[in-house]
N, C-alpha and C. Protein backbone atom coordinates (compact mmCIF):
# COMPACT_ATOMS: atom_id res chain seq x y z
N MET A 1 0.82 -1.19 0.00
CA MET A 1 0.00 0.00 0.00
C MET A 1 0.87 1.25 0.00
N LYS A 2 1.94 1.25 0.83
CA LYS A 2 2.82 2.40 0.88
C LYS A 2 3.48 2.65 -0.46
N SER A 3 3.86 1.57 -1.15
CA SER A 3 4.55 1.75 -2.42
C SER A 3 3.62 2.35 -3.48
N LYS A 4 2.33 1.99 -3.47
CA LYS A 4 1.38 2.60 -4.42
C LYS A 4 1.24 4.09 -4.12
N TYR A 5 1.17 4.45 -2.84
CA TYR A 5 1.04 5.84 -2.45
C TYR A 5 2.29 6.62 -2.85
N ALA A 6 3.46 6.08 -2.57
CA ALA A 6 4.72 6.74 -2.93
C ALA A 6 4.85 6.89 -4.44
N PHE A 7 4.44 5.85 -5.19
CA PHE A 7 4.51 5.91 -6.65
C PHE A 7 3.58 7.01 -7.17
N THR A 8 2.37 7.10 -6.62
CA THR A 8 1.42 8.13 -7.05
C THR A 8 1.97 9.52 -6.78
N ILE A 9 2.56 9.73 -5.62
CA ILE A 9 3.16 11.03 -5.28
C ILE A 9 4.29 11.35 -6.25
N ALA A 10 5.13 10.37 -6.53
CA ALA A 10 6.26 10.59 -7.45
C ALA A 10 5.76 10.97 -8.84
N VAL A 11 4.71 10.31 -9.31
CA VAL A 11 4.16 10.63 -10.63
C VAL A 11 3.60 12.05 -10.64
N LEU A 12 2.88 12.44 -9.60
CA LEU A 12 2.31 13.78 -9.53
C LEU A 12 3.40 14.86 -9.49
N VAL A 13 4.43 14.65 -8.68
CA VAL A 13 5.54 15.61 -8.60
C VAL A 13 6.22 15.73 -9.96
N SER A 14 6.45 14.61 -10.62
CA SER A 14 7.09 14.64 -11.94
C SER A 14 6.22 15.37 -12.95
N ALA A 15 4.93 15.13 -12.93
CA ALA A 15 4.02 15.78 -13.87
C ALA A 15 4.03 17.29 -13.67
N VAL A 16 4.02 17.74 -12.41
CA VAL A 16 4.06 19.18 -12.13
C VAL A 16 5.38 19.77 -12.60
N ALA A 17 6.48 19.10 -12.31
CA ALA A 17 7.79 19.60 -12.73
C ALA A 17 7.90 19.66 -14.25
N LEU A 18 7.46 18.61 -14.94
CA LEU A 18 7.52 18.61 -16.40
C LEU A 18 6.57 19.66 -16.99
N GLY A 19 5.41 19.81 -16.37
CA GLY A 19 4.47 20.82 -16.85
C GLY A 19 5.05 22.21 -16.73
N GLY A 20 5.70 22.51 -15.63
CA GLY A 20 6.35 23.81 -15.45
C GLY A 20 7.47 24.01 -16.45
N TRP A 21 8.26 22.95 -16.69
CA TRP A 21 9.35 23.04 -17.67
C TRP A 21 8.78 23.29 -19.06
N ALA A 22 7.72 22.56 -19.43
CA ALA A 22 7.11 22.73 -20.75
C ALA A 22 6.51 24.12 -20.88
N PHE A 23 5.92 24.63 -19.82
CA PHE A 23 5.34 25.97 -19.85
C PHE A 23 6.42 27.00 -20.14
N ARG A 24 7.58 26.86 -19.45
CA ARG A 24 8.68 27.79 -19.68
C ARG A 24 9.24 27.64 -21.08
N GLN A 25 9.32 26.39 -21.60
CA GLN A 25 9.84 26.17 -22.94
C GLN A 25 8.93 26.77 -24.00
N GLU A 26 7.64 26.80 -23.72
CA GLU A 26 6.67 27.37 -24.66
C GLU A 26 6.62 28.89 -24.53
N GLY A 27 7.41 29.43 -23.64
CA GLY A 27 7.46 30.88 -23.51
C GLY A 27 6.50 31.44 -22.49
N GLY A 28 6.00 30.60 -21.57
CA GLY A 28 5.08 31.06 -20.54
C GLY A 28 5.55 32.33 -19.89
N MET A 29 5.76 32.34 -18.62
CA MET A 29 6.05 33.56 -17.89
C MET A 29 7.32 34.25 -18.39
N GLU A 30 8.25 33.51 -18.96
CA GLU A 30 9.54 34.10 -19.31
C GLU A 30 9.68 34.42 -20.79
N GLY A 31 8.71 34.13 -21.62
CA GLY A 31 8.91 34.33 -23.05
C GLY A 31 7.66 34.73 -23.77
N GLY A 32 7.49 34.17 -24.98
CA GLY A 32 6.43 34.60 -25.87
C GLY A 32 5.10 33.91 -25.73
N GLY A 33 4.87 33.13 -24.69
CA GLY A 33 3.58 32.45 -24.51
C GLY A 33 2.53 33.42 -24.02
N PRO A 34 1.41 32.89 -23.56
CA PRO A 34 0.35 33.77 -23.09
C PRO A 34 0.84 34.61 -21.91
N PRO A 35 0.50 35.88 -21.90
CA PRO A 35 0.96 36.73 -20.80
C PRO A 35 0.25 36.39 -19.49
N MET A 36 0.95 36.63 -18.42
CA MET A 36 0.35 36.46 -17.10
C MET A 36 -0.73 37.52 -16.92
N PRO A 37 -1.84 37.19 -16.28
CA PRO A 37 -2.89 38.20 -16.07
C PRO A 37 -2.37 39.35 -15.21
N LYS A 38 -2.88 40.51 -15.50
CA LYS A 38 -2.53 41.71 -14.74
C LYS A 38 -3.73 42.16 -13.92
N PRO A 39 -3.47 42.66 -12.71
CA PRO A 39 -4.58 43.16 -11.90
C PRO A 39 -5.24 44.36 -12.58
N THR A 40 -6.53 44.48 -12.40
CA THR A 40 -7.30 45.59 -12.95
C THR A 40 -7.52 46.64 -11.85
N PRO A 41 -8.10 47.78 -12.18
CA PRO A 41 -8.46 48.74 -11.12
C PRO A 41 -9.42 48.13 -10.08
N HIS A 42 -10.23 47.16 -10.48
CA HIS A 42 -11.12 46.49 -9.52
C HIS A 42 -10.29 45.72 -8.48
N HIS A 43 -9.22 45.06 -8.93
CA HIS A 43 -8.35 44.35 -8.00
C HIS A 43 -7.60 45.34 -7.10
N ALA A 44 -7.21 46.48 -7.67
CA ALA A 44 -6.55 47.52 -6.85
C ALA A 44 -7.49 48.02 -5.76
N HIS A 45 -8.77 48.12 -6.09
CA HIS A 45 -9.75 48.53 -5.07
C HIS A 45 -9.79 47.51 -3.94
N LEU A 46 -9.82 46.23 -4.28
CA LEU A 46 -9.82 45.19 -3.24
C LEU A 46 -8.58 45.32 -2.37
N LYS A 47 -7.43 45.57 -3.00
CA LYS A 47 -6.18 45.71 -2.25
C LYS A 47 -6.24 46.91 -1.30
N SER A 48 -6.94 47.98 -1.71
CA SER A 48 -7.02 49.17 -0.87
C SER A 48 -7.78 48.90 0.44
N MET A 49 -8.50 47.80 0.50
CA MET A 49 -9.27 47.48 1.70
C MET A 49 -8.48 46.62 2.69
N GLU A 50 -7.23 46.27 2.33
CA GLU A 50 -6.41 45.48 3.27
C GLU A 50 -6.29 46.20 4.60
N GLY A 51 -6.29 45.43 5.68
CA GLY A 51 -6.13 46.00 7.00
C GLY A 51 -7.13 45.43 7.98
N THR A 52 -7.19 46.05 9.14
CA THR A 52 -8.10 45.61 10.19
C THR A 52 -9.17 46.69 10.38
N TRP A 53 -10.40 46.23 10.48
CA TRP A 53 -11.56 47.11 10.57
C TRP A 53 -12.37 46.77 11.83
N GLU A 54 -12.81 47.80 12.56
CA GLU A 54 -13.73 47.62 13.67
C GLU A 54 -15.14 47.72 13.11
N CYS A 55 -16.02 46.83 13.55
CA CYS A 55 -17.35 46.72 12.94
C CYS A 55 -18.46 46.82 13.98
N THR A 56 -19.55 47.45 13.58
CA THR A 56 -20.79 47.43 14.34
C THR A 56 -21.84 46.78 13.45
N VAL A 57 -22.43 45.69 13.93
CA VAL A 57 -23.38 44.91 13.15
C VAL A 57 -24.78 45.11 13.74
N LYS A 58 -25.72 45.55 12.90
CA LYS A 58 -27.12 45.67 13.30
C LYS A 58 -27.92 44.70 12.46
N MET A 59 -28.69 43.84 13.14
CA MET A 59 -29.49 42.83 12.44
C MET A 59 -30.95 42.94 12.83
N ALA A 60 -31.80 42.67 11.85
CA ALA A 60 -33.23 42.58 12.15
C ALA A 60 -33.43 41.31 12.97
N GLY A 61 -34.13 41.43 14.07
CA GLY A 61 -34.35 40.28 14.95
C GLY A 61 -35.52 39.43 14.48
N HIS A 62 -35.45 38.14 14.79
CA HIS A 62 -36.54 37.23 14.44
C HIS A 62 -37.81 37.57 15.22
N ASP A 63 -37.63 38.20 16.39
CA ASP A 63 -38.77 38.56 17.22
C ASP A 63 -39.23 40.00 16.97
N GLY A 64 -38.69 40.62 15.91
CA GLY A 64 -39.05 41.99 15.59
C GLY A 64 -38.15 43.02 16.25
N GLN A 65 -37.31 42.58 17.19
CA GLN A 65 -36.40 43.48 17.87
C GLN A 65 -35.02 43.39 17.23
N PRO A 66 -34.47 44.53 16.77
CA PRO A 66 -33.14 44.48 16.17
C PRO A 66 -32.08 44.19 17.22
N SER A 67 -30.98 43.62 16.79
CA SER A 67 -29.86 43.36 17.70
C SER A 67 -28.63 44.07 17.18
N GLU A 68 -27.72 44.37 18.08
CA GLU A 68 -26.47 45.03 17.70
C GLU A 68 -25.32 44.30 18.35
N SER A 69 -24.23 44.14 17.60
CA SER A 69 -23.03 43.50 18.14
C SER A 69 -21.80 44.15 17.53
N LYS A 70 -20.66 43.84 18.10
CA LYS A 70 -19.37 44.38 17.64
C LYS A 70 -18.51 43.25 17.11
N GLY A 71 -17.58 43.62 16.26
CA GLY A 71 -16.66 42.63 15.72
C GLY A 71 -15.45 43.29 15.10
N THR A 72 -14.56 42.46 14.60
CA THR A 72 -13.34 42.91 13.93
C THR A 72 -13.18 42.12 12.65
N GLU A 73 -12.86 42.82 11.57
CA GLU A 73 -12.60 42.17 10.30
C GLU A 73 -11.17 42.47 9.88
N THR A 74 -10.48 41.43 9.44
CA THR A 74 -9.13 41.59 8.89
C THR A 74 -9.16 41.14 7.44
N ILE A 75 -8.68 42.02 6.55
CA ILE A 75 -8.64 41.71 5.12
C ILE A 75 -7.20 41.64 4.68
N ARG A 76 -6.88 40.59 3.95
CA ARG A 76 -5.53 40.43 3.36
C ARG A 76 -5.71 39.97 1.93
N MET A 77 -4.72 40.25 1.11
CA MET A 77 -4.77 39.83 -0.28
C MET A 77 -4.13 38.46 -0.43
N LEU A 78 -4.73 37.64 -1.27
CA LEU A 78 -4.18 36.36 -1.68
C LEU A 78 -3.62 36.62 -3.08
N GLY A 79 -2.33 36.93 -3.15
CA GLY A 79 -1.75 37.37 -4.42
C GLY A 79 -2.26 38.76 -4.75
N GLU A 80 -2.53 38.99 -6.03
CA GLU A 80 -2.98 40.31 -6.46
C GLU A 80 -4.45 40.33 -6.87
N PHE A 81 -5.12 39.17 -6.76
CA PHE A 81 -6.45 39.07 -7.34
C PHE A 81 -7.58 38.81 -6.35
N TRP A 82 -7.29 38.26 -5.17
CA TRP A 82 -8.35 37.85 -4.25
C TRP A 82 -8.14 38.49 -2.88
N ALA A 83 -9.23 39.01 -2.32
CA ALA A 83 -9.22 39.54 -0.96
C ALA A 83 -9.87 38.50 -0.04
N VAL A 84 -9.16 38.16 1.03
CA VAL A 84 -9.66 37.21 2.01
C VAL A 84 -10.00 37.99 3.27
N SER A 85 -11.25 37.89 3.69
CA SER A 85 -11.72 38.61 4.87
C SER A 85 -11.99 37.60 5.98
N GLU A 86 -11.53 37.93 7.19
CA GLU A 86 -11.82 37.09 8.35
C GLU A 86 -12.50 37.97 9.40
N PHE A 87 -13.74 37.61 9.73
CA PHE A 87 -14.53 38.37 10.69
C PHE A 87 -14.60 37.59 12.00
N LYS A 88 -14.43 38.30 13.12
CA LYS A 88 -14.59 37.69 14.45
C LYS A 88 -15.43 38.64 15.30
N GLY A 89 -16.39 38.08 15.98
CA GLY A 89 -17.25 38.87 16.85
C GLY A 89 -18.19 37.98 17.61
N ASP A 90 -19.39 38.49 17.87
CA ASP A 90 -20.41 37.66 18.49
C ASP A 90 -21.72 37.90 17.77
N MET A 91 -22.56 36.91 17.80
CA MET A 91 -23.86 36.97 17.15
C MET A 91 -24.85 36.29 18.09
N MET A 92 -25.90 37.01 18.46
CA MET A 92 -26.91 36.47 19.37
C MET A 92 -26.27 35.94 20.66
N GLY A 93 -25.27 36.66 21.14
CA GLY A 93 -24.61 36.31 22.39
C GLY A 93 -23.64 35.14 22.31
N MET A 94 -23.33 34.67 21.09
CA MET A 94 -22.40 33.55 20.92
C MET A 94 -21.22 33.98 20.06
N PRO A 95 -20.04 33.35 20.27
CA PRO A 95 -18.89 33.67 19.41
C PRO A 95 -19.24 33.38 17.95
N PHE A 96 -18.75 34.24 17.07
CA PHE A 96 -19.07 34.13 15.65
C PHE A 96 -17.83 34.42 14.82
N MET A 97 -17.61 33.61 13.79
CA MET A 97 -16.52 33.83 12.86
C MET A 97 -17.05 33.64 11.44
N GLY A 98 -16.53 34.43 10.51
CA GLY A 98 -16.92 34.31 9.11
C GLY A 98 -15.77 34.65 8.20
N THR A 99 -15.79 34.09 7.01
CA THR A 99 -14.74 34.34 6.03
C THR A 99 -15.37 34.57 4.67
N SER A 100 -14.85 35.57 3.96
CA SER A 100 -15.28 35.78 2.58
C SER A 100 -14.06 35.76 1.68
N LEU A 101 -14.30 35.44 0.43
CA LEU A 101 -13.29 35.48 -0.62
C LEU A 101 -13.89 36.33 -1.73
N ASP A 102 -13.26 37.46 -2.01
CA ASP A 102 -13.80 38.40 -3.00
C ASP A 102 -12.77 38.67 -4.09
N GLY A 103 -13.26 38.74 -5.32
CA GLY A 103 -12.40 39.03 -6.45
C GLY A 103 -13.17 39.71 -7.56
N PHE A 104 -12.51 39.85 -8.71
CA PHE A 104 -13.15 40.41 -9.89
C PHE A 104 -12.89 39.46 -11.04
N ASP A 105 -13.95 38.92 -11.62
CA ASP A 105 -13.86 37.99 -12.74
C ASP A 105 -13.74 38.81 -14.03
N THR A 106 -12.55 38.83 -14.61
CA THR A 106 -12.31 39.65 -15.79
C THR A 106 -13.08 39.14 -17.01
N ASP A 107 -13.37 37.84 -17.08
CA ASP A 107 -14.13 37.30 -18.21
C ASP A 107 -15.59 37.79 -18.16
N GLN A 108 -16.18 37.77 -16.97
CA GLN A 108 -17.57 38.20 -16.81
C GLN A 108 -17.70 39.71 -16.62
N GLY A 109 -16.60 40.34 -16.21
CA GLY A 109 -16.67 41.77 -15.90
C GLY A 109 -17.48 42.04 -14.65
N LYS A 110 -17.39 41.12 -13.67
CA LYS A 110 -18.19 41.24 -12.45
C LYS A 110 -17.36 40.97 -11.21
N HIS A 111 -17.76 41.63 -10.13
CA HIS A 111 -17.22 41.28 -8.82
C HIS A 111 -17.87 39.96 -8.41
N VAL A 112 -17.10 39.07 -7.81
CA VAL A 112 -17.60 37.75 -7.41
C VAL A 112 -17.12 37.45 -6.01
N GLY A 113 -17.85 36.58 -5.31
CA GLY A 113 -17.41 36.23 -3.98
C GLY A 113 -18.22 35.12 -3.36
N MET A 114 -17.77 34.76 -2.16
CA MET A 114 -18.41 33.70 -1.39
C MET A 114 -18.21 33.99 0.09
N TRP A 115 -19.22 33.69 0.90
CA TRP A 115 -19.18 33.89 2.35
C TRP A 115 -19.54 32.58 3.05
N VAL A 116 -18.79 32.22 4.09
CA VAL A 116 -19.12 31.09 4.97
C VAL A 116 -18.90 31.57 6.40
N ASP A 117 -19.63 30.96 7.35
CA ASP A 117 -19.44 31.35 8.74
C ASP A 117 -19.66 30.18 9.69
N SER A 118 -19.37 30.44 10.96
CA SER A 118 -19.37 29.39 11.98
C SER A 118 -20.76 28.99 12.45
N MET A 119 -21.80 29.66 12.01
CA MET A 119 -23.15 29.34 12.48
C MET A 119 -24.00 28.62 11.44
N SER A 120 -23.42 28.32 10.28
CA SER A 120 -24.23 27.72 9.23
C SER A 120 -23.40 26.79 8.35
N PRO A 121 -23.98 25.65 7.94
CA PRO A 121 -23.27 24.78 7.01
C PRO A 121 -23.42 25.27 5.56
N ASP A 122 -24.20 26.34 5.36
CA ASP A 122 -24.48 26.86 4.02
C ASP A 122 -23.48 27.95 3.65
N ARG A 123 -23.33 28.18 2.35
CA ARG A 123 -22.49 29.27 1.87
C ARG A 123 -23.38 30.23 1.09
N VAL A 124 -22.92 31.46 1.02
CA VAL A 124 -23.58 32.47 0.19
C VAL A 124 -22.63 32.79 -0.94
N THR A 125 -23.10 32.68 -2.18
CA THR A 125 -22.31 33.08 -3.33
C THR A 125 -22.96 34.32 -3.93
N TYR A 126 -22.14 35.18 -4.51
CA TYR A 126 -22.68 36.43 -5.04
C TYR A 126 -21.81 36.96 -6.17
N GLU A 127 -22.44 37.82 -6.98
CA GLU A 127 -21.72 38.51 -8.03
C GLU A 127 -22.43 39.84 -8.28
N GLY A 128 -21.68 40.80 -8.82
CA GLY A 128 -22.30 42.09 -9.07
C GLY A 128 -21.37 43.06 -9.74
N GLU A 129 -21.77 44.29 -9.72
CA GLU A 129 -21.06 45.34 -10.43
C GLU A 129 -20.77 46.50 -9.48
N CYS A 130 -19.83 47.33 -9.93
CA CYS A 130 -19.51 48.49 -9.11
C CYS A 130 -19.80 49.77 -9.88
N SER A 131 -19.86 50.86 -9.15
CA SER A 131 -20.04 52.18 -9.75
C SER A 131 -19.17 53.16 -8.98
N ASN A 132 -19.02 54.35 -9.56
CA ASN A 132 -18.26 55.40 -8.90
C ASN A 132 -16.86 54.94 -8.51
N LYS A 133 -16.13 54.37 -9.49
CA LYS A 133 -14.75 53.88 -9.28
C LYS A 133 -14.67 52.87 -8.14
N CYS A 134 -15.63 51.98 -8.09
CA CYS A 134 -15.73 50.91 -7.08
C CYS A 134 -16.03 51.43 -5.68
N MET A 135 -16.47 52.67 -5.56
CA MET A 135 -16.85 53.17 -4.24
C MET A 135 -18.16 52.54 -3.79
N THR A 136 -18.95 52.04 -4.75
CA THR A 136 -20.17 51.30 -4.43
C THR A 136 -20.15 50.00 -5.22
N ILE A 137 -20.28 48.88 -4.52
CA ILE A 137 -20.35 47.57 -5.15
C ILE A 137 -21.70 46.96 -4.78
N THR A 138 -22.49 46.63 -5.79
CA THR A 138 -23.81 46.04 -5.57
C THR A 138 -23.81 44.62 -6.10
N CYS A 139 -24.08 43.66 -5.23
CA CYS A 139 -24.06 42.24 -5.60
C CYS A 139 -25.41 41.60 -5.31
N VAL A 140 -25.72 40.59 -6.07
CA VAL A 140 -26.89 39.75 -5.84
C VAL A 140 -26.37 38.36 -5.53
N GLY A 141 -26.93 37.75 -4.51
CA GLY A 141 -26.43 36.45 -4.08
C GLY A 141 -27.53 35.44 -3.84
N GLN A 142 -27.08 34.23 -3.63
CA GLN A 142 -27.97 33.11 -3.32
C GLN A 142 -27.59 32.60 -1.95
N GLY A 143 -28.56 32.54 -1.06
CA GLY A 143 -28.34 32.03 0.28
C GLY A 143 -29.51 31.16 0.71
N LYS A 144 -29.67 31.03 2.02
CA LYS A 144 -30.78 30.25 2.55
C LYS A 144 -31.48 31.06 3.62
N ASP A 145 -32.79 31.09 3.55
CA ASP A 145 -33.60 31.74 4.57
C ASP A 145 -33.57 30.83 5.80
N HIS A 146 -33.01 31.35 6.89
CA HIS A 146 -32.84 30.50 8.08
C HIS A 146 -34.16 30.26 8.82
N GLU A 147 -35.20 31.01 8.49
CA GLU A 147 -36.50 30.77 9.10
C GLU A 147 -37.25 29.65 8.39
N THR A 148 -37.13 29.62 7.04
CA THR A 148 -37.88 28.63 6.27
C THR A 148 -37.02 27.46 5.78
N GLY A 149 -35.70 27.67 5.74
CA GLY A 149 -34.81 26.63 5.21
C GLY A 149 -34.78 26.57 3.70
N LYS A 150 -35.46 27.51 3.04
CA LYS A 150 -35.53 27.52 1.57
C LYS A 150 -34.51 28.50 0.99
N PRO A 151 -34.09 28.26 -0.26
CA PRO A 151 -33.17 29.20 -0.91
C PRO A 151 -33.80 30.59 -1.01
N CYS A 152 -32.96 31.60 -0.95
CA CYS A 152 -33.45 32.97 -1.07
C CYS A 152 -32.42 33.82 -1.81
N LYS A 153 -32.91 34.91 -2.38
CA LYS A 153 -32.03 35.86 -3.05
C LYS A 153 -31.68 36.98 -2.08
N LEU A 154 -30.42 37.39 -2.15
CA LEU A 154 -29.92 38.45 -1.29
C LEU A 154 -29.37 39.58 -2.15
N LYS A 155 -29.53 40.79 -1.67
CA LYS A 155 -28.90 41.94 -2.31
C LYS A 155 -27.95 42.54 -1.29
N MET A 156 -26.69 42.74 -1.71
CA MET A 156 -25.67 43.26 -0.81
C MET A 156 -25.03 44.48 -1.45
N VAL A 157 -24.95 45.56 -0.69
CA VAL A 157 -24.36 46.80 -1.20
C VAL A 157 -23.27 47.24 -0.23
N THR A 158 -22.07 47.43 -0.77
CA THR A 158 -20.95 47.96 0.01
C THR A 158 -20.65 49.36 -0.50
N GLU A 159 -20.69 50.34 0.40
CA GLU A 159 -20.41 51.72 0.03
C GLU A 159 -19.20 52.22 0.81
N MET A 160 -18.16 52.63 0.07
CA MET A 160 -16.99 53.24 0.68
C MET A 160 -17.32 54.71 0.91
N LYS A 161 -17.33 55.13 2.16
CA LYS A 161 -17.56 56.54 2.48
C LYS A 161 -16.29 57.33 2.22
N ASP A 162 -15.16 56.77 2.63
CA ASP A 162 -13.82 57.28 2.36
C ASP A 162 -12.88 56.10 2.59
N LYS A 163 -11.57 56.30 2.56
CA LYS A 163 -10.65 55.16 2.63
C LYS A 163 -10.69 54.43 3.98
N ASP A 164 -11.28 55.05 4.99
CA ASP A 164 -11.29 54.45 6.33
C ASP A 164 -12.68 54.11 6.85
N HIS A 165 -13.72 54.31 6.05
CA HIS A 165 -15.10 54.06 6.50
C HIS A 165 -15.91 53.46 5.36
N ARG A 166 -16.67 52.43 5.69
CA ARG A 166 -17.56 51.84 4.70
C ARG A 166 -18.79 51.27 5.39
N THR A 167 -19.83 51.05 4.60
CA THR A 167 -21.08 50.49 5.10
C THR A 167 -21.49 49.34 4.20
N PHE A 168 -21.97 48.27 4.81
CA PHE A 168 -22.47 47.10 4.09
C PHE A 168 -23.93 46.93 4.48
N THR A 169 -24.81 46.80 3.49
CA THR A 169 -26.21 46.50 3.79
C THR A 169 -26.60 45.24 3.03
N MET A 170 -27.39 44.42 3.67
CA MET A 170 -27.88 43.19 3.03
C MET A 170 -29.38 43.13 3.22
N SER A 171 -30.07 42.86 2.11
CA SER A 171 -31.53 42.71 2.13
C SER A 171 -31.88 41.35 1.57
N GLN A 172 -32.91 40.76 2.11
CA GLN A 172 -33.40 39.47 1.61
C GLN A 172 -34.68 39.72 0.83
N GLU A 173 -34.78 39.10 -0.33
CA GLU A 173 -35.96 39.25 -1.16
C GLU A 173 -37.21 38.89 -0.37
N GLY A 174 -38.21 39.76 -0.44
CA GLY A 174 -39.46 39.50 0.26
C GLY A 174 -39.51 40.03 1.68
N LYS A 175 -38.41 40.59 2.18
CA LYS A 175 -38.39 41.17 3.53
C LYS A 175 -38.44 42.69 3.41
N PRO A 176 -39.20 43.35 4.25
CA PRO A 176 -39.41 44.79 4.09
C PRO A 176 -38.20 45.66 4.44
N GLU A 177 -37.33 45.22 5.32
CA GLU A 177 -36.21 46.07 5.74
C GLU A 177 -34.89 45.34 5.51
N HIS A 178 -33.80 46.08 5.72
CA HIS A 178 -32.48 45.46 5.62
C HIS A 178 -32.37 44.36 6.66
N THR A 179 -31.85 43.23 6.23
CA THR A 179 -31.62 42.12 7.16
C THR A 179 -30.43 42.45 8.05
N MET A 180 -29.43 43.15 7.46
CA MET A 180 -28.21 43.45 8.20
C MET A 180 -27.60 44.75 7.69
N VAL A 181 -27.06 45.54 8.61
CA VAL A 181 -26.29 46.74 8.28
C VAL A 181 -25.02 46.68 9.11
N ILE A 182 -23.88 46.78 8.44
CA ILE A 182 -22.58 46.77 9.14
C ILE A 182 -21.85 48.06 8.80
N THR A 183 -21.38 48.76 9.81
CA THR A 183 -20.52 49.93 9.59
C THR A 183 -19.10 49.53 9.99
N TYR A 184 -18.15 49.93 9.16
CA TYR A 184 -16.73 49.57 9.33
C TYR A 184 -15.90 50.84 9.48
N THR A 185 -14.97 50.81 10.42
CA THR A 185 -13.98 51.87 10.58
C THR A 185 -12.61 51.22 10.62
N ARG A 186 -11.72 51.69 9.72
CA ARG A 186 -10.37 51.12 9.67
C ARG A 186 -9.64 51.39 10.98
N LYS A 187 -9.02 50.35 11.52
CA LYS A 187 -8.25 50.48 12.76
C LYS A 187 -6.91 51.11 12.41
N LYS A 188 -6.52 52.11 13.17
CA LYS A 188 -5.23 52.81 12.92
C LYS A 188 -4.07 52.03 13.46
């Protein structure tokens, strides 16, 4: 069994090494092959959000009473194309963590992303467009209504007030008010 595993690893390592060699021989990164992708102004906007942010989260309550909590978000870039956000705080009196992956799909010409968190086995995927030099990004997503368990459409709008302040609002289709409003202030 060990020899089959070792053989498989050796074949995979060899294939990767030969693939890289062939890529360079065909002029990949070092020559006349296809050029490496370059970041766009949309990617530069994502990079401008790197850092640590203090957050105030206001949510519509299931009992009609809104709730408010605090948290911290840290954003870092994964290379030049993807922003990884890690949120830590509390939700409904319990510890809460969430992570998003945000980028810009140059083929579609759209902002794209995904959100997962510690309170749900479900993920939210979204895509959208920006305006005003990416100072406003409006996305539509697919999630799950936690009251009914059925799929639902979400609208998410991120507005940069200035380089150190932004607001995120999320609305669920069929609900009269914002499901969530988060205000962010960059930590100095």
